[in-house]
Each structure stands twice: as C-alpha cells, then as structure tokens.
Amino acid sequence: LFIGSNITATIKNSTLLAIHKLARIQITSINSPTTTGMHSIDYYISGKITAPTETTQEHYTEKLANLEDSGLCFRYAIAEPPSGVKPIRSSWGATDQTTIFISGANFYKIIPEMRETWAKILAKVPNSILVLYPFNPNWTNSYRFAPFIKQMRSVLKRHGIDSKRLVVIKALPS
C-alpha cells in the first residue's frame, strides 16, 4: 500500500489509517518531508541526494528505498494553466506606494515570535501591509481561522498598527 499524502504534518484520517498495518507492505515517500516514526510503515522512498542511505538511515523508522539523484521529480505542464486569481493592490487596500510584505508560511509555523517580528516591521514601515496565506490544504483542513486572525490583530494592536494592514487569504480550491 503506497500512502501518497503527507502523514507527518498533522493527524488526519490518512494518518490514523497509516498507523495500522492495513497491508503486508506499507510505503510512503517524500510527500511526508521526514520519517513518519511509525513502525507500521515499511519503506520510505527518497533519493540518494535527498537522503543518502549511509548517513540518513539511522534517522528513519522505515527502510530507505532510494532512487538515483534527488528523488524529487516534477513534470511541468507544457502550457501553464491560467491563474484563477489575479490579486491587485487595490483589493488589499494598497496603493502603488504601499510596501507589501507577503508570507506563505504555514499556520503552524507562525509562532508568537514571528507575529511579534511582523508587527515590529509594520510599525517601522509606515504605509505597508502584511499579506498572509497560511492555510494550505495540503497540510490539513482543520485550521483555526478565527483564533489565528484574532491573535494576529491583538499583536498588531499592541504595536499601534491598524488591523486593516493585515490581509489574510484563505486557501483556494485546487
């Protein structure tokens, strides 16, 4: 059984299923960015450049099954599909003179120190905004939107920053 989703980021249905030995051999790959730590997973497919067996195997509960090179293979479309979203400055309340800071850091990686740092940057750069898109559905679909936005606004308020200078974009369907 090949488990083709990230089962290491958060607990979701696929993670719970992976814990149980559903097949004689269970395999995951680089879509889980590190070892699962699960004894129910037999193999982890990676690459010799990404995870050299001789120096990396001891850090994995799974047996490394390495491909030649990196193990990261992408097949890009010949023609890029048209974007479904065309963000414009005015949709965020920004002008041509506004400095826009943008981050795609995942929700779980936006720790209090990062929030404080962003607030300090916004306080030092007048006529700037912060645009975040932290809710990537590839990690989980159980984000706590309202508490996150409330916490961000609270940090900004402590630094005297108008909450209108924060733009949070929810994930788009893919």
N, C-alpha and C. Protein backbone atom coordinates (compact mmCIF):
# COMPACT_ATOMS: atom_id res chain seq x y z
N LEU A 1 0.86 -1.17 0.00
CA LEU A 1 0.00 0.00 0.00
C LEU A 1 0.90 1.23 0.00
N PHE A 2 0.75 2.08 -1.01
CA PHE A 2 1.50 3.33 -1.07
C PHE A 2 0.64 4.43 -0.46
N ILE A 3 1.16 5.12 0.53
CA ILE A 3 0.44 6.21 1.18
C ILE A 3 0.98 7.49 0.59
N GLY A 4 0.21 8.10 -0.30
CA GLY A 4 0.69 9.22 -1.09
C GLY A 4 0.29 10.58 -0.58
N SER A 5 0.18 10.76 0.72
CA SER A 5 -0.07 12.10 1.23
C SER A 5 0.83 12.33 2.43
N ASN A 6 0.91 13.57 2.86
CA ASN A 6 1.76 13.93 3.99
C ASN A 6 1.09 13.44 5.27
N ILE A 7 1.64 12.42 5.87
CA ILE A 7 1.05 11.88 7.10
C ILE A 7 1.85 12.30 8.33
N THR A 8 2.79 13.23 8.15
CA THR A 8 3.61 13.66 9.28
C THR A 8 3.26 15.06 9.80
N ALA A 9 2.52 15.83 9.05
CA ALA A 9 2.28 17.23 9.43
C ALA A 9 1.26 17.34 10.56
N THR A 10 0.11 16.73 10.39
CA THR A 10 -0.94 16.77 11.39
C THR A 10 -1.65 15.44 11.38
N ILE A 11 -2.44 15.22 12.40
CA ILE A 11 -3.21 13.96 12.44
C ILE A 11 -4.49 14.17 11.65
N LYS A 12 -4.66 13.34 10.64
CA LYS A 12 -5.88 13.35 9.83
C LYS A 12 -6.23 11.90 9.54
N ASN A 13 -7.29 11.66 8.80
CA ASN A 13 -7.75 10.28 8.57
C ASN A 13 -6.66 9.40 7.97
N SER A 14 -5.92 9.93 6.99
CA SER A 14 -4.87 9.11 6.37
C SER A 14 -3.77 8.76 7.37
N THR A 15 -3.50 9.65 8.32
CA THR A 15 -2.51 9.37 9.35
C THR A 15 -2.99 8.24 10.25
N LEU A 16 -4.25 8.32 10.66
CA LEU A 16 -4.81 7.29 11.53
C LEU A 16 -4.81 5.93 10.85
N LEU A 17 -5.13 5.92 9.56
CA LEU A 17 -5.10 4.65 8.82
C LEU A 17 -3.68 4.11 8.69
N ALA A 18 -2.73 5.01 8.47
CA ALA A 18 -1.34 4.59 8.27
C ALA A 18 -0.75 3.94 9.52
N ILE A 19 -1.24 4.32 10.67
CA ILE A 19 -0.73 3.76 11.93
C ILE A 19 -1.01 2.26 12.00
N HIS A 20 -2.12 1.85 11.40
CA HIS A 20 -2.50 0.44 11.42
C HIS A 20 -1.89 -0.26 10.21
N LYS A 21 -1.52 -1.49 10.39
CA LYS A 21 -0.90 -2.27 9.31
C LYS A 21 -2.02 -2.79 8.41
N LEU A 22 -2.42 -1.98 7.42
CA LEU A 22 -3.52 -2.33 6.52
C LEU A 22 -3.08 -3.25 5.39
N ALA A 23 -1.79 -3.28 5.12
CA ALA A 23 -1.27 -4.10 4.03
C ALA A 23 0.02 -4.77 4.49
N ARG A 24 0.41 -5.81 3.78
CA ARG A 24 1.66 -6.50 4.15
C ARG A 24 2.85 -5.56 4.09
N ILE A 25 2.87 -4.69 3.09
CA ILE A 25 3.95 -3.71 2.95
C ILE A 25 3.32 -2.33 2.79
N GLN A 26 3.74 -1.39 3.62
CA GLN A 26 3.25 -0.02 3.53
C GLN A 26 4.43 0.90 3.24
N ILE A 27 4.20 1.81 2.30
CA ILE A 27 5.26 2.67 1.79
C ILE A 27 4.78 4.12 1.81
N THR A 28 5.67 5.02 2.15
CA THR A 28 5.41 6.44 1.97
C THR A 28 6.60 7.03 1.23
N SER A 29 6.56 8.33 1.01
CA SER A 29 7.61 8.95 0.22
C SER A 29 7.84 10.37 0.68
N ILE A 30 8.52 11.13 -0.18
CA ILE A 30 8.93 12.48 0.17
C ILE A 30 7.77 13.46 0.31
N ASN A 31 6.54 13.01 0.03
CA ASN A 31 5.41 13.90 0.32
C ASN A 31 5.25 14.05 1.83
N SER A 32 5.75 13.10 2.63
CA SER A 32 5.95 13.29 4.07
C SER A 32 7.41 13.73 4.19
N PRO A 33 7.66 14.97 4.58
CA PRO A 33 9.01 15.52 4.45
C PRO A 33 10.08 14.89 5.34
N THR A 34 9.68 13.99 6.21
CA THR A 34 10.65 13.32 7.07
C THR A 34 10.09 11.96 7.46
N THR A 35 10.84 11.20 8.22
CA THR A 35 10.35 9.91 8.66
C THR A 35 8.99 10.05 9.33
N THR A 36 8.16 9.05 9.20
CA THR A 36 6.86 9.08 9.86
C THR A 36 7.00 8.73 11.33
N GLY A 37 8.05 7.97 11.66
CA GLY A 37 8.20 7.50 13.02
C GLY A 37 7.26 6.35 13.35
N MET A 38 6.54 5.88 12.34
CA MET A 38 5.55 4.81 12.53
C MET A 38 6.16 3.46 12.17
N HIS A 39 6.08 2.53 13.08
CA HIS A 39 6.61 1.19 12.81
C HIS A 39 5.73 0.43 11.82
N SER A 40 4.56 0.95 11.51
CA SER A 40 3.66 0.30 10.54
C SER A 40 4.05 0.62 9.10
N ILE A 41 4.92 1.60 8.90
CA ILE A 41 5.37 1.95 7.56
C ILE A 41 6.71 1.24 7.32
N ASP A 42 6.77 0.44 6.26
CA ASP A 42 7.95 -0.38 5.99
C ASP A 42 9.05 0.35 5.22
N TYR A 43 8.66 1.13 4.22
CA TYR A 43 9.65 1.78 3.34
C TYR A 43 9.33 3.25 3.17
N TYR A 44 10.39 4.01 2.96
CA TYR A 44 10.29 5.44 2.66
C TYR A 44 11.09 5.65 1.37
N ILE A 45 10.39 6.04 0.30
CA ILE A 45 11.05 6.26 -0.99
C ILE A 45 11.59 7.68 -1.03
N SER A 46 12.87 7.81 -1.25
CA SER A 46 13.51 9.11 -1.34
C SER A 46 14.54 9.05 -2.46
N GLY A 47 15.63 9.77 -2.32
CA GLY A 47 16.67 9.77 -3.34
C GLY A 47 18.04 9.85 -2.72
N LYS A 48 19.03 9.41 -3.45
CA LYS A 48 20.40 9.37 -2.92
C LYS A 48 20.92 10.75 -2.56
N ILE A 49 20.50 11.77 -3.29
CA ILE A 49 20.95 13.13 -2.98
C ILE A 49 20.15 13.68 -1.80
N THR A 50 18.85 13.41 -1.78
CA THR A 50 17.98 13.92 -0.73
C THR A 50 18.27 13.27 0.62
N ALA A 51 18.42 11.96 0.62
CA ALA A 51 18.61 11.22 1.88
C ALA A 51 19.61 10.09 1.67
N PRO A 52 20.90 10.41 1.66
CA PRO A 52 21.90 9.36 1.45
C PRO A 52 21.78 8.26 2.51
N THR A 53 21.58 7.03 2.06
CA THR A 53 21.33 5.91 2.96
C THR A 53 22.40 5.77 4.03
N GLU A 54 23.66 5.92 3.64
CA GLU A 54 24.75 5.68 4.59
C GLU A 54 24.78 6.67 5.75
N THR A 55 24.21 7.85 5.58
CA THR A 55 24.22 8.84 6.67
C THR A 55 22.83 9.16 7.21
N THR A 56 21.80 8.68 6.56
CA THR A 56 20.45 9.09 6.92
C THR A 56 19.60 7.96 7.49
N GLN A 57 19.86 6.72 7.12
CA GLN A 57 19.01 5.59 7.51
C GLN A 57 18.74 5.54 9.01
N GLU A 58 19.73 5.86 9.82
CA GLU A 58 19.56 5.78 11.28
C GLU A 58 18.49 6.73 11.81
N HIS A 59 18.11 7.73 11.02
CA HIS A 59 17.10 8.70 11.44
C HIS A 59 15.69 8.32 11.00
N TYR A 60 15.54 7.18 10.35
CA TYR A 60 14.25 6.74 9.82
C TYR A 60 13.80 5.45 10.49
N THR A 61 12.52 5.35 10.83
CA THR A 61 11.98 4.08 11.30
C THR A 61 11.71 3.17 10.11
N GLU A 62 11.50 3.76 8.93
CA GLU A 62 11.27 2.99 7.71
C GLU A 62 12.61 2.63 7.07
N LYS A 63 12.63 1.62 6.25
CA LYS A 63 13.82 1.32 5.46
C LYS A 63 13.82 2.27 4.27
N LEU A 64 14.93 2.99 4.08
CA LEU A 64 15.03 3.92 2.95
C LEU A 64 15.17 3.13 1.66
N ALA A 65 14.37 3.48 0.68
CA ALA A 65 14.46 2.91 -0.66
C ALA A 65 14.77 4.09 -1.57
N ASN A 66 16.04 4.28 -1.86
CA ASN A 66 16.47 5.47 -2.58
C ASN A 66 16.53 5.28 -4.09
N LEU A 67 16.02 6.30 -4.77
CA LEU A 67 16.14 6.39 -6.22
C LEU A 67 17.47 7.08 -6.53
N GLU A 68 17.92 7.01 -7.76
CA GLU A 68 19.11 7.77 -8.16
C GLU A 68 18.78 9.26 -8.05
N ASP A 69 19.76 10.07 -7.82
CA ASP A 69 19.63 11.52 -7.75
C ASP A 69 18.82 11.93 -6.53
N SER A 70 17.92 12.93 -6.70
CA SER A 70 17.28 13.53 -5.53
C SER A 70 16.02 12.83 -5.07
N GLY A 71 15.32 12.18 -5.95
CA GLY A 71 14.02 11.62 -5.57
C GLY A 71 12.89 12.60 -5.79
N LEU A 72 13.22 13.85 -6.07
CA LEU A 72 12.21 14.86 -6.37
C LEU A 72 12.06 14.94 -7.88
N CYS A 73 10.93 14.55 -8.38
CA CYS A 73 10.70 14.56 -9.83
C CYS A 73 9.41 15.31 -10.11
N PHE A 74 9.46 16.23 -11.02
CA PHE A 74 8.29 17.01 -11.38
C PHE A 74 8.11 16.98 -12.89
N ARG A 75 6.88 16.91 -13.29
CA ARG A 75 6.57 17.02 -14.72
C ARG A 75 5.70 18.25 -14.88
N TYR A 76 6.29 19.28 -15.41
CA TYR A 76 5.58 20.54 -15.54
C TYR A 76 4.74 20.53 -16.80
N ALA A 77 3.61 21.18 -16.71
CA ALA A 77 2.72 21.29 -17.87
C ALA A 77 3.43 22.06 -18.98
N ILE A 78 3.12 21.71 -20.21
CA ILE A 78 3.71 22.42 -21.35
C ILE A 78 3.23 23.86 -21.35
N ALA A 79 1.96 24.05 -21.16
CA ALA A 79 1.40 25.40 -21.07
C ALA A 79 0.85 25.59 -19.67
N GLU A 80 1.24 26.65 -19.04
CA GLU A 80 0.77 26.94 -17.70
C GLU A 80 -0.73 27.25 -17.74
N PRO A 81 -1.54 26.60 -16.89
CA PRO A 81 -2.96 26.93 -16.89
C PRO A 81 -3.17 28.36 -16.39
N PRO A 82 -4.21 29.01 -16.85
CA PRO A 82 -4.44 30.39 -16.42
C PRO A 82 -4.74 30.44 -14.92
N SER A 83 -4.25 31.47 -14.28
CA SER A 83 -4.49 31.64 -12.85
C SER A 83 -5.95 31.95 -12.60
N GLY A 84 -6.49 31.38 -11.54
CA GLY A 84 -7.87 31.66 -11.17
C GLY A 84 -7.99 32.92 -10.35
N VAL A 85 -6.87 33.44 -9.89
CA VAL A 85 -6.86 34.62 -9.04
C VAL A 85 -5.85 35.61 -9.59
N LYS A 86 -6.26 36.84 -9.68
CA LYS A 86 -5.35 37.89 -10.12
C LYS A 86 -5.40 38.99 -9.06
N PRO A 87 -4.61 38.82 -7.99
CA PRO A 87 -4.65 39.83 -6.94
C PRO A 87 -4.13 41.17 -7.43
N ILE A 88 -4.80 42.20 -7.01
CA ILE A 88 -4.35 43.56 -7.33
C ILE A 88 -4.23 44.34 -6.02
N ARG A 89 -3.33 45.27 -6.01
CA ARG A 89 -3.05 46.04 -4.80
C ARG A 89 -4.31 46.65 -4.19
N SER A 90 -5.15 47.20 -5.04
CA SER A 90 -6.33 47.89 -4.51
C SER A 90 -7.27 46.93 -3.78
N SER A 91 -7.26 45.64 -4.14
CA SER A 91 -8.14 44.69 -3.45
C SER A 91 -7.69 44.48 -2.00
N TRP A 92 -6.44 44.85 -1.69
CA TRP A 92 -5.92 44.75 -0.33
C TRP A 92 -5.86 46.13 0.35
N GLY A 93 -6.39 47.14 -0.31
CA GLY A 93 -6.34 48.49 0.24
C GLY A 93 -4.98 49.14 0.09
N ALA A 94 -4.19 48.66 -0.85
CA ALA A 94 -2.84 49.19 -1.07
C ALA A 94 -2.79 50.05 -2.32
N THR A 95 -1.90 51.03 -2.29
CA THR A 95 -1.66 51.88 -3.46
C THR A 95 -0.34 51.46 -4.09
N ASP A 96 0.05 52.16 -5.16
CA ASP A 96 1.34 51.88 -5.79
C ASP A 96 2.51 52.20 -4.87
N GLN A 97 2.28 53.06 -3.88
CA GLN A 97 3.35 53.44 -2.96
C GLN A 97 3.42 52.53 -1.72
N THR A 98 2.43 51.69 -1.53
CA THR A 98 2.39 50.82 -0.35
C THR A 98 3.42 49.70 -0.47
N THR A 99 4.16 49.48 0.60
CA THR A 99 5.07 48.33 0.66
C THR A 99 4.24 47.13 1.11
N ILE A 100 4.33 46.04 0.35
CA ILE A 100 3.55 44.85 0.68
C ILE A 100 4.50 43.72 1.09
N PHE A 101 4.33 43.26 2.31
CA PHE A 101 5.06 42.09 2.79
C PHE A 101 4.13 40.89 2.65
N ILE A 102 4.60 39.82 2.04
CA ILE A 102 3.76 38.64 1.81
C ILE A 102 4.47 37.41 2.36
N SER A 103 3.69 36.56 3.02
CA SER A 103 4.25 35.30 3.53
C SER A 103 3.27 34.16 3.31
N GLY A 104 3.81 33.05 2.85
CA GLY A 104 3.03 31.83 2.70
C GLY A 104 3.39 30.83 3.79
N ALA A 105 4.00 31.29 4.88
CA ALA A 105 4.35 30.38 5.98
C ALA A 105 3.09 29.68 6.47
N ASN A 106 3.21 28.40 6.73
CA ASN A 106 2.07 27.62 7.20
C ASN A 106 1.63 28.10 8.58
N PHE A 107 0.35 28.04 8.81
CA PHE A 107 -0.31 28.38 10.07
C PHE A 107 0.48 27.88 11.29
N TYR A 108 0.91 26.63 11.24
CA TYR A 108 1.59 26.02 12.38
C TYR A 108 3.02 26.53 12.57
N LYS A 109 3.53 27.24 11.60
CA LYS A 109 4.89 27.77 11.71
C LYS A 109 4.92 29.25 12.07
N ILE A 110 3.73 29.84 12.19
CA ILE A 110 3.66 31.25 12.56
C ILE A 110 3.57 31.32 14.09
N ILE A 111 4.73 31.24 14.70
CA ILE A 111 4.82 31.21 16.15
C ILE A 111 4.75 32.63 16.71
N PRO A 112 4.52 32.77 18.03
CA PRO A 112 4.39 34.12 18.60
C PRO A 112 5.55 35.05 18.26
N GLU A 113 6.78 34.54 18.24
CA GLU A 113 7.93 35.39 17.92
C GLU A 113 7.85 35.93 16.50
N MET A 114 7.32 35.13 15.58
CA MET A 114 7.18 35.60 14.20
C MET A 114 6.11 36.69 14.13
N ARG A 115 5.01 36.50 14.85
CA ARG A 115 3.95 37.53 14.87
C ARG A 115 4.49 38.85 15.40
N GLU A 116 5.26 38.76 16.48
CA GLU A 116 5.87 39.97 17.06
C GLU A 116 6.82 40.63 16.06
N THR A 117 7.60 39.84 15.38
CA THR A 117 8.56 40.38 14.40
C THR A 117 7.82 41.10 13.28
N TRP A 118 6.77 40.47 12.76
CA TRP A 118 6.00 41.13 11.70
C TRP A 118 5.41 42.45 12.20
N ALA A 119 4.89 42.46 13.43
CA ALA A 119 4.31 43.69 13.97
C ALA A 119 5.37 44.79 14.07
N LYS A 120 6.57 44.42 14.52
CA LYS A 120 7.66 45.40 14.63
C LYS A 120 8.05 45.95 13.26
N ILE A 121 8.07 45.08 12.26
CA ILE A 121 8.41 45.52 10.90
C ILE A 121 7.34 46.49 10.39
N LEU A 122 6.07 46.13 10.56
CA LEU A 122 4.99 47.01 10.11
C LEU A 122 5.04 48.35 10.84
N ALA A 123 5.38 48.33 12.13
CA ALA A 123 5.47 49.58 12.90
C ALA A 123 6.59 50.48 12.37
N LYS A 124 7.67 49.89 11.88
CA LYS A 124 8.81 50.67 11.37
C LYS A 124 8.63 51.09 9.91
N VAL A 125 7.70 50.44 9.20
CA VAL A 125 7.50 50.76 7.79
C VAL A 125 6.06 51.27 7.61
N PRO A 126 5.87 52.59 7.77
CA PRO A 126 4.53 53.13 7.56
C PRO A 126 4.11 52.90 6.11
N ASN A 127 2.85 52.93 5.86
CA ASN A 127 2.31 52.69 4.52
C ASN A 127 2.75 51.31 4.00
N SER A 128 2.62 50.32 4.89
CA SER A 128 2.91 48.94 4.50
C SER A 128 1.79 48.04 5.00
N ILE A 129 1.65 46.89 4.36
CA ILE A 129 0.67 45.90 4.79
C ILE A 129 1.34 44.53 4.82
N LEU A 130 0.71 43.61 5.54
CA LEU A 130 1.17 42.23 5.61
C LEU A 130 0.08 41.34 5.03
N VAL A 131 0.43 40.58 4.01
CA VAL A 131 -0.50 39.64 3.38
C VAL A 131 -0.03 38.23 3.73
N LEU A 132 -0.92 37.46 4.34
CA LEU A 132 -0.60 36.09 4.73
C LEU A 132 -1.54 35.12 4.02
N TYR A 133 -1.01 33.98 3.63
CA TYR A 133 -1.85 32.88 3.16
C TYR A 133 -1.36 31.59 3.82
N PRO A 134 -1.74 31.43 5.11
CA PRO A 134 -1.18 30.35 5.93
C PRO A 134 -1.99 29.05 5.95
N PHE A 135 -3.07 28.99 5.21
CA PHE A 135 -3.99 27.85 5.35
C PHE A 135 -3.91 26.88 4.18
N ASN A 136 -2.74 26.35 3.91
CA ASN A 136 -2.54 25.42 2.80
C ASN A 136 -3.27 24.10 3.08
N PRO A 137 -4.22 23.72 2.23
CA PRO A 137 -4.98 22.49 2.47
C PRO A 137 -4.16 21.21 2.29
N ASN A 138 -2.94 21.31 1.76
CA ASN A 138 -2.11 20.12 1.63
C ASN A 138 -1.61 19.63 2.98
N TRP A 139 -1.62 20.50 3.99
CA TRP A 139 -1.17 20.10 5.32
C TRP A 139 -2.32 19.57 6.15
N THR A 140 -3.42 20.28 6.15
CA THR A 140 -4.59 19.87 6.92
C THR A 140 -5.78 20.68 6.46
N ASN A 141 -6.96 20.25 6.86
CA ASN A 141 -8.16 21.04 6.57
C ASN A 141 -8.82 21.47 7.87
N SER A 142 -8.09 21.42 8.96
CA SER A 142 -8.67 21.77 10.26
C SER A 142 -7.95 22.95 10.91
N TYR A 143 -7.80 24.01 10.17
CA TYR A 143 -7.18 25.22 10.71
C TYR A 143 -8.17 25.97 11.59
N ARG A 144 -7.64 26.68 12.57
CA ARG A 144 -8.47 27.51 13.45
C ARG A 144 -8.37 28.96 12.96
N PHE A 145 -9.21 29.29 11.97
CA PHE A 145 -9.15 30.60 11.31
C PHE A 145 -9.36 31.75 12.29
N ALA A 146 -10.52 31.75 12.97
CA ALA A 146 -10.90 32.89 13.81
C ALA A 146 -9.89 33.16 14.92
N PRO A 147 -9.45 32.16 15.69
CA PRO A 147 -8.46 32.46 16.74
C PRO A 147 -7.15 32.99 16.17
N PHE A 148 -6.74 32.47 15.02
CA PHE A 148 -5.49 32.94 14.40
C PHE A 148 -5.59 34.43 14.06
N ILE A 149 -6.67 34.81 13.41
CA ILE A 149 -6.84 36.21 13.00
C ILE A 149 -6.97 37.10 14.23
N LYS A 150 -7.68 36.62 15.25
CA LYS A 150 -7.82 37.39 16.49
C LYS A 150 -6.46 37.61 17.15
N GLN A 151 -5.63 36.57 17.19
CA GLN A 151 -4.30 36.69 17.78
C GLN A 151 -3.43 37.65 16.99
N MET A 152 -3.47 37.54 15.66
CA MET A 152 -2.68 38.45 14.82
C MET A 152 -3.10 39.90 15.06
N ARG A 153 -4.40 40.16 15.08
CA ARG A 153 -4.89 41.53 15.29
C ARG A 153 -4.49 42.04 16.66
N SER A 154 -4.52 41.17 17.65
CA SER A 154 -4.14 41.56 19.01
C SER A 154 -2.67 42.00 19.07
N VAL A 155 -1.80 41.25 18.42
CA VAL A 155 -0.38 41.60 18.38
C VAL A 155 -0.19 42.94 17.67
N LEU A 156 -0.86 43.12 16.54
CA LEU A 156 -0.74 44.38 15.80
C LEU A 156 -1.24 45.55 16.64
N LYS A 157 -2.35 45.35 17.33
CA LYS A 157 -2.92 46.42 18.16
C LYS A 157 -1.93 46.85 19.25
N ARG A 158 -1.25 45.88 19.87
CA ARG A 158 -0.26 46.19 20.91
C ARG A 158 0.86 47.08 20.37
N HIS A 159 1.11 46.99 19.08
CA HIS A 159 2.16 47.80 18.45
C HIS A 159 1.59 49.04 17.76
N GLY A 160 0.30 49.31 18.00
CA GLY A 160 -0.33 50.51 17.44
C GLY A 160 -0.59 50.43 15.94
N ILE A 161 -0.79 49.23 15.42
CA ILE A 161 -0.98 49.03 13.98
C ILE A 161 -2.45 48.72 13.70
N ASP A 162 -3.02 49.45 12.76
CA ASP A 162 -4.41 49.25 12.35
C ASP A 162 -4.58 47.85 11.76
N SER A 163 -5.63 47.16 12.18
CA SER A 163 -5.88 45.79 11.70
C SER A 163 -6.13 45.73 10.19
N LYS A 164 -6.43 46.88 9.57
CA LYS A 164 -6.63 46.91 8.11
C LYS A 164 -5.33 46.66 7.37
N ARG A 165 -4.21 46.73 8.09
CA ARG A 165 -2.90 46.49 7.45
C ARG A 165 -2.55 45.01 7.41
N LEU A 166 -3.47 44.18 7.88
CA LEU A 166 -3.31 42.72 7.82
C LEU A 166 -4.33 42.16 6.84
N VAL A 167 -3.85 41.42 5.86
CA VAL A 167 -4.72 40.74 4.89
C VAL A 167 -4.43 39.25 5.01
N VAL A 168 -5.46 38.46 5.32
CA VAL A 168 -5.29 37.01 5.42
C VAL A 168 -6.12 36.37 4.33
N ILE A 169 -5.44 35.61 3.49
CA ILE A 169 -6.10 34.96 2.35
C ILE A 169 -6.37 33.51 2.71
N LYS A 170 -7.61 33.10 2.56
CA LYS A 170 -7.95 31.69 2.78
C LYS A 170 -7.52 30.90 1.55
N ALA A 171 -7.33 29.62 1.74
CA ALA A 171 -6.90 28.75 0.63
C ALA A 171 -7.97 28.68 -0.45
N LEU A 172 -7.51 28.61 -1.67
CA LEU A 172 -8.41 28.45 -2.80
C LEU A 172 -8.53 26.97 -3.12
N PRO A 173 -9.67 26.54 -3.67
CA PRO A 173 -9.77 25.14 -4.06
C PRO A 173 -8.76 24.83 -5.16
N SER A 174 -8.18 23.64 -5.10
CA SER A 174 -7.20 23.28 -6.12
C SER A 174 -7.64 22.04 -6.86
